[in-house]
Amino acid sequence: MNDFKSYKPDDNQNKNSPADNENKINSTVELAKAVTRAMNGKSEGQLLHTIISEAERGKREGTLTNADLDNFYNALSPMVDGIKRKKLKEVITRLKNI
């Protein structure tokens, strides 16, 4: 491999196509955008309610996967304290069961 553009993974190394990866990124990005829009001027309780509502809608519509929820948790958890991280984990677990 001389540069990143010429790199091609082995067939056994990565089963996901670039389109699959882009779709996962897009749905995670869309969730983050919805959360960001919802955050403006709202309390913590209102934020949590909005996050749950958006995620439930995405799960029911089939546009949000458990992997997306894991990515969301992994991105957000370093930004919150231990109690909020635990609550976030509980919410993610609940959403995965939808």
PDB file of N, CA and C in Angstrom:
ATOM      1  N   MET A   1       0.847  -1.168   0.000  1.00  0.00           N
ATOM      2  CA  MET A   1       0.000   0.000   0.000  1.00  0.00           C
ATOM      3  C   MET A   1       0.891   1.229   0.000  1.00  0.00           C
ATOM      4  N   ASN A   2       0.724   2.058  -1.003  1.00  0.00           N
ATOM      5  CA  ASN A   2       1.500   3.286  -1.086  1.00  0.00           C
ATOM      6  C   ASN A   2       0.778   4.474  -0.484  1.00  0.00           C
ATOM      7  N   ASP A   3      -0.539   4.448  -0.542  1.00  0.00           N
ATOM      8  CA  ASP A   3      -1.336   5.524   0.042  1.00  0.00           C
ATOM      9  C   ASP A   3      -2.697   4.977   0.439  1.00  0.00           C
ATOM     10  N   PHE A   4      -3.482   5.797   1.142  1.00  0.00           N
ATOM     11  CA  PHE A   4      -4.780   5.336   1.628  1.00  0.00           C
ATOM     12  C   PHE A   4      -5.768   5.070   0.503  1.00  0.00           C
ATOM     13  N   LYS A   5      -5.680   5.823  -0.576  1.00  0.00           N
ATOM     14  CA  LYS A   5      -6.628   5.637  -1.674  1.00  0.00           C
ATOM     15  C   LYS A   5      -6.457   4.294  -2.367  1.00  0.00           C
ATOM     16  N   SER A   6      -5.250   3.774  -2.374  1.00  0.00           N
ATOM     17  CA  SER A   6      -5.016   2.510  -3.063  1.00  0.00           C
ATOM     18  C   SER A   6      -5.248   1.296  -2.166  1.00  0.00           C
ATOM     19  N   TYR A   7      -5.511   1.502  -0.891  1.00  0.00           N
ATOM     20  CA  TYR A   7      -5.723   0.398   0.032  1.00  0.00           C
ATOM     21  C   TYR A   7      -7.033  -0.316  -0.255  1.00  0.00           C
ATOM     22  N   LYS A   8      -6.967  -1.632  -0.326  1.00  0.00           N
ATOM     23  CA  LYS A   8      -8.151  -2.461  -0.486  1.00  0.00           C
ATOM     24  C   LYS A   8      -8.052  -3.587   0.542  1.00  0.00           C
ATOM     25  N   PRO A   9      -9.030  -3.691   1.465  1.00  0.00           N
ATOM     26  CA  PRO A   9      -8.971  -4.741   2.490  1.00  0.00           C
ATOM     27  C   PRO A   9      -9.177  -6.111   1.869  1.00  0.00           C
ATOM     28  N   ASP A  10      -8.638  -7.133   2.540  1.00  0.00           N
ATOM     29  CA  ASP A  10      -8.888  -8.506   2.120  1.00  0.00           C
ATOM     30  C   ASP A  10     -10.368  -8.799   2.245  1.00  0.00           C
ATOM     31  N   ASP A  11     -10.875  -9.707   1.400  1.00  0.00           N
ATOM     32  CA  ASP A  11     -12.293 -10.060   1.458  1.00  0.00           C
ATOM     33  C   ASP A  11     -12.672 -10.604   2.822  1.00  0.00           C
ATOM     34  N   ASN A  12     -11.776 -11.319   3.478  1.00  0.00           N
ATOM     35  CA  ASN A  12     -12.070 -11.897   4.777  1.00  0.00           C
ATOM     36  C   ASN A  12     -11.989 -10.862   5.897  1.00  0.00           C
ATOM     37  N   GLN A  13     -11.297  -9.776   5.639  1.00  0.00           N
ATOM     38  CA  GLN A  13     -11.052  -8.788   6.677  1.00  0.00           C
ATOM     39  C   GLN A  13     -12.277  -7.927   6.972  1.00  0.00           C
ATOM     40  N   ASN A  14     -13.013  -7.541   5.938  1.00  0.00           N
ATOM     41  CA  ASN A  14     -14.126  -6.625   6.149  1.00  0.00           C
ATOM     42  C   ASN A  14     -15.284  -7.024   5.247  1.00  0.00           C
ATOM     43  N   LYS A  15     -16.363  -7.486   5.840  1.00  0.00           N
ATOM     44  CA  LYS A  15     -17.529  -7.935   5.075  1.00  0.00           C
ATOM     45  C   LYS A  15     -18.458  -6.781   4.711  1.00  0.00           C
ATOM     46  N   ASN A  16     -18.312  -5.623   5.341  1.00  0.00           N
ATOM     47  CA  ASN A  16     -19.178  -4.485   5.061  1.00  0.00           C
ATOM     48  C   ASN A  16     -18.701  -3.751   3.820  1.00  0.00           C
ATOM     49  N   SER A  17     -19.638  -3.399   2.973  1.00  0.00           N
ATOM     50  CA  SER A  17     -19.287  -2.612   1.798  1.00  0.00           C
ATOM     51  C   SER A  17     -19.198  -1.153   2.196  1.00  0.00           C
ATOM     52  N   PRO A  18     -18.522  -0.327   1.399  1.00  0.00           N
ATOM     53  CA  PRO A  18     -18.470   1.109   1.704  1.00  0.00           C
ATOM     54  C   PRO A  18     -19.863   1.717   1.791  1.00  0.00           C
ATOM     55  N   ALA A  19     -20.799   1.238   0.980  1.00  0.00           N
ATOM     56  CA  ALA A  19     -22.170   1.762   1.041  1.00  0.00           C
ATOM     57  C   ALA A  19     -22.814   1.428   2.381  1.00  0.00           C
ATOM     58  N   ASP A  20     -22.571   0.205   2.897  1.00  0.00           N
ATOM     59  CA  ASP A  20     -23.109  -0.165   4.214  1.00  0.00           C
ATOM     60  C   ASP A  20     -22.540   0.736   5.292  1.00  0.00           C
ATOM     61  N   ASN A  21     -21.235   0.969   5.244  1.00  0.00           N
ATOM     62  CA  ASN A  21     -20.597   1.826   6.239  1.00  0.00           C
ATOM     63  C   ASN A  21     -21.119   3.247   6.140  1.00  0.00           C
ATOM     64  N   GLU A  22     -21.327   3.741   4.937  1.00  0.00           N
ATOM     65  CA  GLU A  22     -21.834   5.106   4.760  1.00  0.00           C
ATOM     66  C   GLU A  22     -23.244   5.222   5.309  1.00  0.00           C
ATOM     67  N   ASN A  23     -24.083   4.189   5.097  1.00  0.00           N
ATOM     68  CA  ASN A  23     -25.443   4.209   5.633  1.00  0.00           C
ATOM     69  C   ASN A  23     -25.433   4.233   7.153  1.00  0.00           C
ATOM     70  N   LYS A  24     -24.522   3.462   7.772  1.00  0.00           N
ATOM     71  CA  LYS A  24     -24.421   3.456   9.227  1.00  0.00           C
ATOM     72  C   LYS A  24     -24.004   4.828   9.729  1.00  0.00           C
ATOM     73  N   ILE A  25     -23.036   5.417   9.069  1.00  0.00           N
ATOM     74  CA  ILE A  25     -22.568   6.742   9.458  1.00  0.00           C
ATOM     75  C   ILE A  25     -23.686   7.756   9.285  1.00  0.00           C
ATOM     76  N   ASN A  26     -24.396   7.691   8.160  1.00  0.00           N
ATOM     77  CA  ASN A  26     -25.461   8.648   7.905  1.00  0.00           C
ATOM     78  C   ASN A  26     -26.561   8.566   8.947  1.00  0.00           C
ATOM     79  N   SER A  27     -26.983   7.353   9.338  1.00  0.00           N
ATOM     80  CA  SER A  27     -28.056   7.254  10.319  1.00  0.00           C
ATOM     81  C   SER A  27     -27.585   7.734  11.686  1.00  0.00           C
ATOM     82  N   THR A  28     -26.343   7.482  12.030  1.00  0.00           N
ATOM     83  CA  THR A  28     -25.793   7.982  13.286  1.00  0.00           C
ATOM     84  C   THR A  28     -25.691   9.499  13.240  1.00  0.00           C
ATOM     85  N   VAL A  29     -25.255  10.025  12.113  1.00  0.00           N
ATOM     86  CA  VAL A  29     -25.157  11.475  11.947  1.00  0.00           C
ATOM     87  C   VAL A  29     -26.539  12.106  12.019  1.00  0.00           C
ATOM     88  N   GLU A  30     -27.526  11.472  11.401  1.00  0.00           N
ATOM     89  CA  GLU A  30     -28.883  12.010  11.439  1.00  0.00           C
ATOM     90  C   GLU A  30     -29.412  12.038  12.874  1.00  0.00           C
ATOM     91  N   LEU A  31     -29.132  10.994  13.647  1.00  0.00           N
ATOM     92  CA  LEU A  31     -29.551  10.978  15.044  1.00  0.00           C
ATOM     93  C   LEU A  31     -28.864  12.109  15.811  1.00  0.00           C
ATOM     94  N   ALA A  32     -27.571  12.280  15.580  1.00  0.00           N
ATOM     95  CA  ALA A  32     -26.839  13.356  16.258  1.00  0.00           C
ATOM     96  C   ALA A  32     -27.393  14.724  15.875  1.00  0.00           C
ATOM     97  N   LYS A  33     -27.743  14.903  14.601  1.00  0.00           N
ATOM     98  CA  LYS A  33     -28.326  16.179  14.159  1.00  0.00           C
ATOM     99  C   LYS A  33     -29.662  16.437  14.844  1.00  0.00           C
ATOM    100  N   ALA A  34     -30.492  15.403  14.937  1.00  0.00           N
ATOM    101  CA  ALA A  34     -31.794  15.551  15.582  1.00  0.00           C
ATOM    102  C   ALA A  34     -31.622  15.909  17.055  1.00  0.00           C
ATOM    103  N   VAL A  35     -30.655  15.276  17.697  1.00  0.00           N
ATOM    104  CA  VAL A  35     -30.398  15.570  19.101  1.00  0.00           C
ATOM    105  C   VAL A  35     -29.892  17.001  19.263  1.00  0.00           C
ATOM    106  N   THR A  36     -29.002  17.418  18.386  1.00  0.00           N
ATOM    107  CA  THR A  36     -28.471  18.780  18.453  1.00  0.00           C
ATOM    108  C   THR A  36     -29.575  19.807  18.277  1.00  0.00           C
ATOM    109  N   ARG A  37     -30.452  19.597  17.312  1.00  0.00           N
ATOM    110  CA  ARG A  37     -31.583  20.515  17.114  1.00  0.00           C
ATOM    111  C   ARG A  37     -32.466  20.548  18.347  1.00  0.00           C
ATOM    112  N   ALA A  38     -32.643  19.396  18.957  1.00  0.00           N
ATOM    113  CA  ALA A  38     -33.521  19.296  20.117  1.00  0.00           C
ATOM    114  C   ALA A  38     -32.919  19.940  21.365  1.00  0.00           C
ATOM    115  N   MET A  39     -31.620  20.078  21.420  1.00  0.00           N
ATOM    116  CA  MET A  39     -30.942  20.563  22.617  1.00  0.00           C
ATOM    117  C   MET A  39     -31.122  22.059  22.855  1.00  0.00           C
ATOM    118  N   ASN A  40     -31.357  22.820  21.846  1.00  0.00           N
ATOM    119  CA  ASN A  40     -31.415  24.270  21.988  1.00  0.00           C
ATOM    120  C   ASN A  40     -32.480  24.693  22.991  1.00  0.00           C
ATOM    121  N   GLY A  41     -32.035  25.221  24.139  1.00  0.00           N
ATOM    122  CA  GLY A  41     -32.929  25.795  25.130  1.00  0.00           C
ATOM    123  C   GLY A  41     -33.756  24.825  25.947  1.00  0.00           C
ATOM    124  N   LYS A  42     -33.396  23.562  25.987  1.00  0.00           N
ATOM    125  CA  LYS A  42     -34.198  22.582  26.712  1.00  0.00           C
ATOM    126  C   LYS A  42     -33.471  22.078  27.958  1.00  0.00           C
ATOM    127  N   SER A  43     -34.257  21.622  28.916  1.00  0.00           N
ATOM    128  CA  SER A  43     -33.706  21.065  30.147  1.00  0.00           C
ATOM    129  C   SER A  43     -33.197  19.643  29.887  1.00  0.00           C
ATOM    130  N   GLU A  44     -32.490  19.111  30.867  1.00  0.00           N
ATOM    131  CA  GLU A  44     -31.958  17.759  30.744  1.00  0.00           C
ATOM    132  C   GLU A  44     -33.072  16.733  30.556  1.00  0.00           C
ATOM    133  N   GLY A  45     -34.155  16.876  31.293  1.00  0.00           N
ATOM    134  CA  GLY A  45     -35.282  15.953  31.167  1.00  0.00           C
ATOM    135  C   GLY A  45     -35.918  16.012  29.794  1.00  0.00           C
ATOM    136  N   GLN A  46     -36.057  17.230  29.284  1.00  0.00           N
ATOM    137  CA  GLN A  46     -36.623  17.395  27.942  1.00  0.00           C
ATOM    138  C   GLN A  46     -35.693  16.787  26.893  1.00  0.00           C
ATOM    139  N   LEU A  47     -34.392  16.952  27.096  1.00  0.00           N
ATOM    140  CA  LEU A  47     -33.423  16.375  26.158  1.00  0.00           C
ATOM    141  C   LEU A  47     -33.514  14.860  26.136  1.00  0.00           C
ATOM    142  N   LEU A  48     -33.554  14.277  27.312  1.00  0.00           N
ATOM    143  CA  LEU A  48     -33.631  12.822  27.396  1.00  0.00           C
ATOM    144  C   LEU A  48     -34.897  12.310  26.721  1.00  0.00           C
ATOM    145  N   HIS A  49     -36.000  12.987  26.957  1.00  0.00           N
ATOM    146  CA  HIS A  49     -37.264  12.598  26.327  1.00  0.00           C
ATOM    147  C   HIS A  49     -37.154  12.676  24.797  1.00  0.00           C
ATOM    148  N   THR A  50     -36.530  13.730  24.289  1.00  0.00           N
ATOM    149  CA  THR A  50     -36.388  13.903  22.840  1.00  0.00           C
ATOM    150  C   THR A  50     -35.488  12.818  22.248  1.00  0.00           C
ATOM    151  N   ILE A  51     -34.382  12.533  22.920  1.00  0.00           N
ATOM    152  CA  ILE A  51     -33.466  11.486  22.442  1.00  0.00           C
ATOM    153  C   ILE A  51     -34.204  10.150  22.358  1.00  0.00           C
ATOM    154  N   ILE A  52     -34.923   9.825  23.407  1.00  0.00           N
ATOM    155  CA  ILE A  52     -35.649   8.549  23.436  1.00  0.00           C
ATOM    156  C   ILE A  52     -36.713   8.509  22.348  1.00  0.00           C
ATOM    157  N   SER A  53     -37.457   9.594  22.191  1.00  0.00           N
ATOM    158  CA  SER A  53     -38.516   9.638  21.167  1.00  0.00           C
ATOM    159  C   SER A  53     -37.946   9.467  19.769  1.00  0.00           C
ATOM    160  N   GLU A  54     -36.860  10.183  19.469  1.00  0.00           N
ATOM    161  CA  GLU A  54     -36.237  10.079  18.144  1.00  0.00           C
ATOM    162  C   GLU A  54     -35.691   8.674  17.903  1.00  0.00           C
ATOM    163  N   ALA A  55     -35.062   8.111  18.909  1.00  0.00           N
ATOM    164  CA  ALA A  55     -34.491   6.774  18.760  1.00  0.00           C
ATOM    165  C   ALA A  55     -35.589   5.725  18.612  1.00  0.00           C
ATOM    166  N   GLU A  56     -36.670   5.843  19.401  1.00  0.00           N
ATOM    167  CA  GLU A  56     -37.782   4.902  19.260  1.00  0.00           C
ATOM    168  C   GLU A  56     -38.381   4.971  17.864  1.00  0.00           C
ATOM    169  N   ARG A  57     -38.540   6.174  17.352  1.00  0.00           N
ATOM    170  CA  ARG A  57     -39.075   6.346  16.000  1.00  0.00           C
ATOM    171  C   ARG A  57     -38.150   5.680  14.974  1.00  0.00           C
ATOM    172  N   GLY A  58     -36.859   5.918  15.108  1.00  0.00           N
ATOM    173  CA  GLY A  58     -35.885   5.321  14.187  1.00  0.00           C
ATOM    174  C   GLY A  58     -35.875   3.803  14.243  1.00  0.00           C
ATOM    175  N   LYS A  59     -35.968   3.257  15.456  1.00  0.00           N
ATOM    176  CA  LYS A  59     -35.996   1.794  15.599  1.00  0.00           C
ATOM    177  C   LYS A  59     -37.251   1.216  14.950  1.00  0.00           C
ATOM    178  N   ARG A  60     -38.388   1.837  15.184  1.00  0.00           N
ATOM    179  CA  ARG A  60     -39.647   1.327  14.618  1.00  0.00           C
ATOM    180  C   ARG A  60     -39.674   1.437  13.103  1.00  0.00           C
ATOM    181  N   GLU A  61     -39.063   2.495  12.577  1.00  0.00           N
ATOM    182  CA  GLU A  61     -39.021   2.681  11.119  1.00  0.00           C
ATOM    183  C   GLU A  61     -37.919   1.849  10.472  1.00  0.00           C
ATOM    184  N   GLY A  62     -37.049   1.267  11.282  1.00  0.00           N
ATOM    185  CA  GLY A  62     -35.956   0.456  10.754  1.00  0.00           C
ATOM    186  C   GLY A  62     -34.773   1.263  10.258  1.00  0.00           C
ATOM    187  N   THR A  63     -34.712   2.537  10.627  1.00  0.00           N
ATOM    188  CA  THR A  63     -33.598   3.382  10.184  1.00  0.00           C
ATOM    189  C   THR A  63     -32.508   3.518  11.237  1.00  0.00           C
ATOM    190  N   LEU A  64     -32.729   2.960  12.414  1.00  0.00           N
ATOM    191  CA  LEU A  64     -31.757   3.025  13.499  1.00  0.00           C
ATOM    192  C   LEU A  64     -31.485   1.618  13.988  1.00  0.00           C
ATOM    193  N   THR A  65     -30.232   1.215  13.953  1.00  0.00           N
ATOM    194  CA  THR A  65     -29.857  -0.134  14.353  1.00  0.00           C
ATOM    195  C   THR A  65     -29.233  -0.121  15.747  1.00  0.00           C
ATOM    196  N   ASN A  66     -29.074  -1.304  16.304  1.00  0.00           N
ATOM    197  CA  ASN A  66     -28.389  -1.410  17.599  1.00  0.00           C
ATOM    198  C   ASN A  66     -26.950  -0.943  17.489  1.00  0.00           C
ATOM    199  N   ALA A  67     -26.319  -1.167  16.354  1.00  0.00           N
ATOM    200  CA  ALA A  67     -24.951  -0.673  16.149  1.00  0.00           C
ATOM    201  C   ALA A  67     -24.931   0.855  16.175  1.00  0.00           C
ATOM    202  N   ASP A  68     -25.951   1.476  15.594  1.00  0.00           N
ATOM    203  CA  ASP A  68     -26.057   2.940  15.639  1.00  0.00           C
ATOM    204  C   ASP A  68     -26.178   3.419  17.081  1.00  0.00           C
ATOM    205  N   LEU A  69     -26.972   2.705  17.865  1.00  0.00           N
ATOM    206  CA  LEU A  69     -27.131   3.070  19.275  1.00  0.00           C
ATOM    207  C   LEU A  69     -25.814   2.926  20.025  1.00  0.00           C
ATOM    208  N   ASP A  70     -25.075   1.859  19.732  1.00  0.00           N
ATOM    209  CA  ASP A  70     -23.756   1.681  20.351  1.00  0.00           C
ATOM    210  C   ASP A  70     -22.817   2.819  19.967  1.00  0.00           C
ATOM    211  N   ASN A  71     -22.841   3.192  18.692  1.00  0.00           N
ATOM    212  CA  ASN A  71     -21.997   4.303  18.239  1.00  0.00           C
ATOM    213  C   ASN A  71     -22.370   5.599  18.938  1.00  0.00           C
ATOM    214  N   PHE A  72     -23.673   5.835  19.090  1.00  0.00           N
ATOM    215  CA  PHE A  72     -24.160   7.028  19.776  1.00  0.00           C
ATOM    216  C   PHE A  72     -23.671   7.025  21.226  1.00  0.00           C
ATOM    217  N   TYR A  73     -23.804   5.899  21.897  1.00  0.00           N
ATOM    218  CA  TYR A  73     -23.345   5.787  23.287  1.00  0.00           C
ATOM    219  C   TYR A  73     -21.838   6.034  23.375  1.00  0.00           C
ATOM    220  N   ASN A  74     -21.088   5.403  22.489  1.00  0.00           N
ATOM    221  CA  ASN A  74     -19.633   5.548  22.517  1.00  0.00           C
ATOM    222  C   ASN A  74     -19.190   6.980  22.247  1.00  0.00           C
ATOM    223  N   ALA A  75     -19.939   7.694  21.438  1.00  0.00           N
ATOM    224  CA  ALA A  75     -19.600   9.083  21.135  1.00  0.00           C
ATOM    225  C   ALA A  75     -19.984  10.017  22.279  1.00  0.00           C
ATOM    226  N   LEU A  76     -21.098   9.741  22.931  1.00  0.00           N
ATOM    227  CA  LEU A  76     -21.618  10.650  23.944  1.00  0.00           C
ATOM    228  C   LEU A  76     -21.107  10.346  25.349  1.00  0.00           C
ATOM    229  N   SER A  77     -20.859   9.102  25.664  1.00  0.00           N
ATOM    230  CA  SER A  77     -20.519   8.720  27.043  1.00  0.00           C
ATOM    231  C   SER A  77     -19.269   9.407  27.600  1.00  0.00           C
ATOM    232  N   PRO A  78     -18.239   9.666  26.810  1.00  0.00           N
ATOM    233  CA  PRO A  78     -17.080  10.361  27.397  1.00  0.00           C
ATOM    234  C   PRO A  78     -17.384  11.807  27.806  1.00  0.00           C
ATOM    235  N   MET A  79     -18.488  12.354  27.343  1.00  0.00           N
ATOM    236  CA  MET A  79     -18.812  13.755  27.619  1.00  0.00           C
ATOM    237  C   MET A  79     -19.693  13.938  28.856  1.00  0.00           C
ATOM    238  N   VAL A  80     -20.120  12.836  29.474  1.00  0.00           N
ATOM    239  CA  VAL A  80     -21.005  12.941  30.633  1.00  0.00           C
ATOM    240  C   VAL A  80     -20.372  12.266  31.844  1.00  0.00           C
ATOM    241  N   ASP A  81     -20.846  12.647  33.051  1.00  0.00           N
ATOM    242  CA  ASP A  81     -20.297  12.059  34.273  1.00  0.00           C
ATOM    243  C   ASP A  81     -20.842  10.644  34.483  1.00  0.00           C
ATOM    244  N   GLY A  82     -20.380   9.990  35.537  1.00  0.00           N
ATOM    245  CA  GLY A  82     -20.714   8.588  35.786  1.00  0.00           C
ATOM    246  C   GLY A  82     -22.193   8.305  35.925  1.00  0.00           C
ATOM    247  N   ILE A  83     -22.928   9.159  36.649  1.00  0.00           N
ATOM    248  CA  ILE A  83     -24.362   8.938  36.854  1.00  0.00           C
ATOM    249  C   ILE A  83     -25.114   9.074  35.531  1.00  0.00           C
ATOM    250  N   LYS A  84     -24.778  10.100  34.779  1.00  0.00           N
ATOM    251  CA  LYS A  84     -25.445  10.307  33.489  1.00  0.00           C
ATOM    252  C   LYS A  84     -25.052   9.221  32.497  1.00  0.00           C
ATOM    253  N   ARG A  85     -23.804   8.759  32.567  1.00  0.00           N
ATOM    254  CA  ARG A  85     -23.352   7.680  31.690  1.00  0.00           C
ATOM    255  C   ARG A  85     -24.148   6.410  31.983  1.00  0.00           C
ATOM    256  N   LYS A  86     -24.370   6.133  33.279  1.00  0.00           N
ATOM    257  CA  LYS A  86     -25.149   4.948  33.652  1.00  0.00           C
ATOM    258  C   LYS A  86     -26.577   5.067  33.124  1.00  0.00           C
ATOM    259  N   LYS A  87     -27.177   6.240  33.271  1.00  0.00           N
ATOM    260  CA  LYS A  87     -28.543   6.468  32.773  1.00  0.00           C
ATOM    261  C   LYS A  87     -28.589   6.313  31.257  1.00  0.00           C
ATOM    262  N   LEU A  88     -27.581   6.859  30.571  1.00  0.00           N
ATOM    263  CA  LEU A  88     -27.510   6.734  29.113  1.00  0.00           C
ATOM    264  C   LEU A  88     -27.415   5.265  28.708  1.00  0.00           C
ATOM    265  N   LYS A  89     -26.614   4.491  29.417  1.00  0.00           N
ATOM    266  CA  LYS A  89     -26.481   3.063  29.123  1.00  0.00           C
ATOM    267  C   LYS A  89     -27.821   2.346  29.309  1.00  0.00           C
ATOM    268  N   GLU A  90     -28.561   2.714  30.360  1.00  0.00           N
ATOM    269  CA  GLU A  90     -29.877   2.117  30.591  1.00  0.00           C
ATOM    270  C   GLU A  90     -30.837   2.451  29.453  1.00  0.00           C
ATOM    271  N   VAL A  91     -30.789   3.682  28.997  1.00  0.00           N
ATOM    272  CA  VAL A  91     -31.657   4.114  27.892  1.00  0.00           C
ATOM    273  C   VAL A  91     -31.302   3.359  26.621  1.00  0.00           C
ATOM    274  N   ILE A  92     -30.015   3.237  26.331  1.00  0.00           N
ATOM    275  CA  ILE A  92     -29.561   2.524  25.128  1.00  0.00           C
ATOM    276  C   ILE A  92     -30.012   1.066  25.198  1.00  0.00           C
ATOM    277  N   THR A  93     -29.866   0.461  26.347  1.00  0.00           N
ATOM    278  CA  THR A  93     -30.281  -0.943  26.519  1.00  0.00           C
ATOM    279  C   THR A  93     -31.788  -1.072  26.272  1.00  0.00           C
ATOM    280  N   ARG A  94     -32.561  -0.140  26.804  1.00  0.00           N
ATOM    281  CA  ARG A  94     -34.024  -0.158  26.603  1.00  0.00           C
ATOM    282  C   ARG A  94     -34.362  -0.010  25.115  1.00  0.00           C
ATOM    283  N   LEU A  95     -33.680   0.902  24.445  1.00  0.00           N
ATOM    284  CA  LEU A  95     -33.947   1.132  23.030  1.00  0.00           C
ATOM    285  C   LEU A  95     -33.569  -0.069  22.173  1.00  0.00           C
ATOM    286  N   LYS A  96     -32.525  -0.773  22.550  1.00  0.00           N
ATOM    287  CA  LYS A  96     -32.122  -1.956  21.792  1.00  0.00           C
ATOM    288  C   LYS A  96     -33.191  -3.038  21.821  1.00  0.00           C
ATOM    289  N   ASN A  97     -34.008  -3.032  22.864  1.00  0.00           N
ATOM    290  CA  ASN A  97     -35.053  -4.061  22.996  1.00  0.00           C
ATOM    291  C   ASN A  97     -36.332  -3.740  22.242  1.00  0.00           C
ATOM    292  N   ILE A  98     -36.369  -2.614  21.562  1.00  0.00           N
ATOM    293  CA  ILE A  98     -37.561  -2.245  20.781  1.00  0.00           C
ATOM    294  C   ILE A  98     -37.565  -3.037  19.493  1.00  0.00           C
TER     295      ILE A  98
END
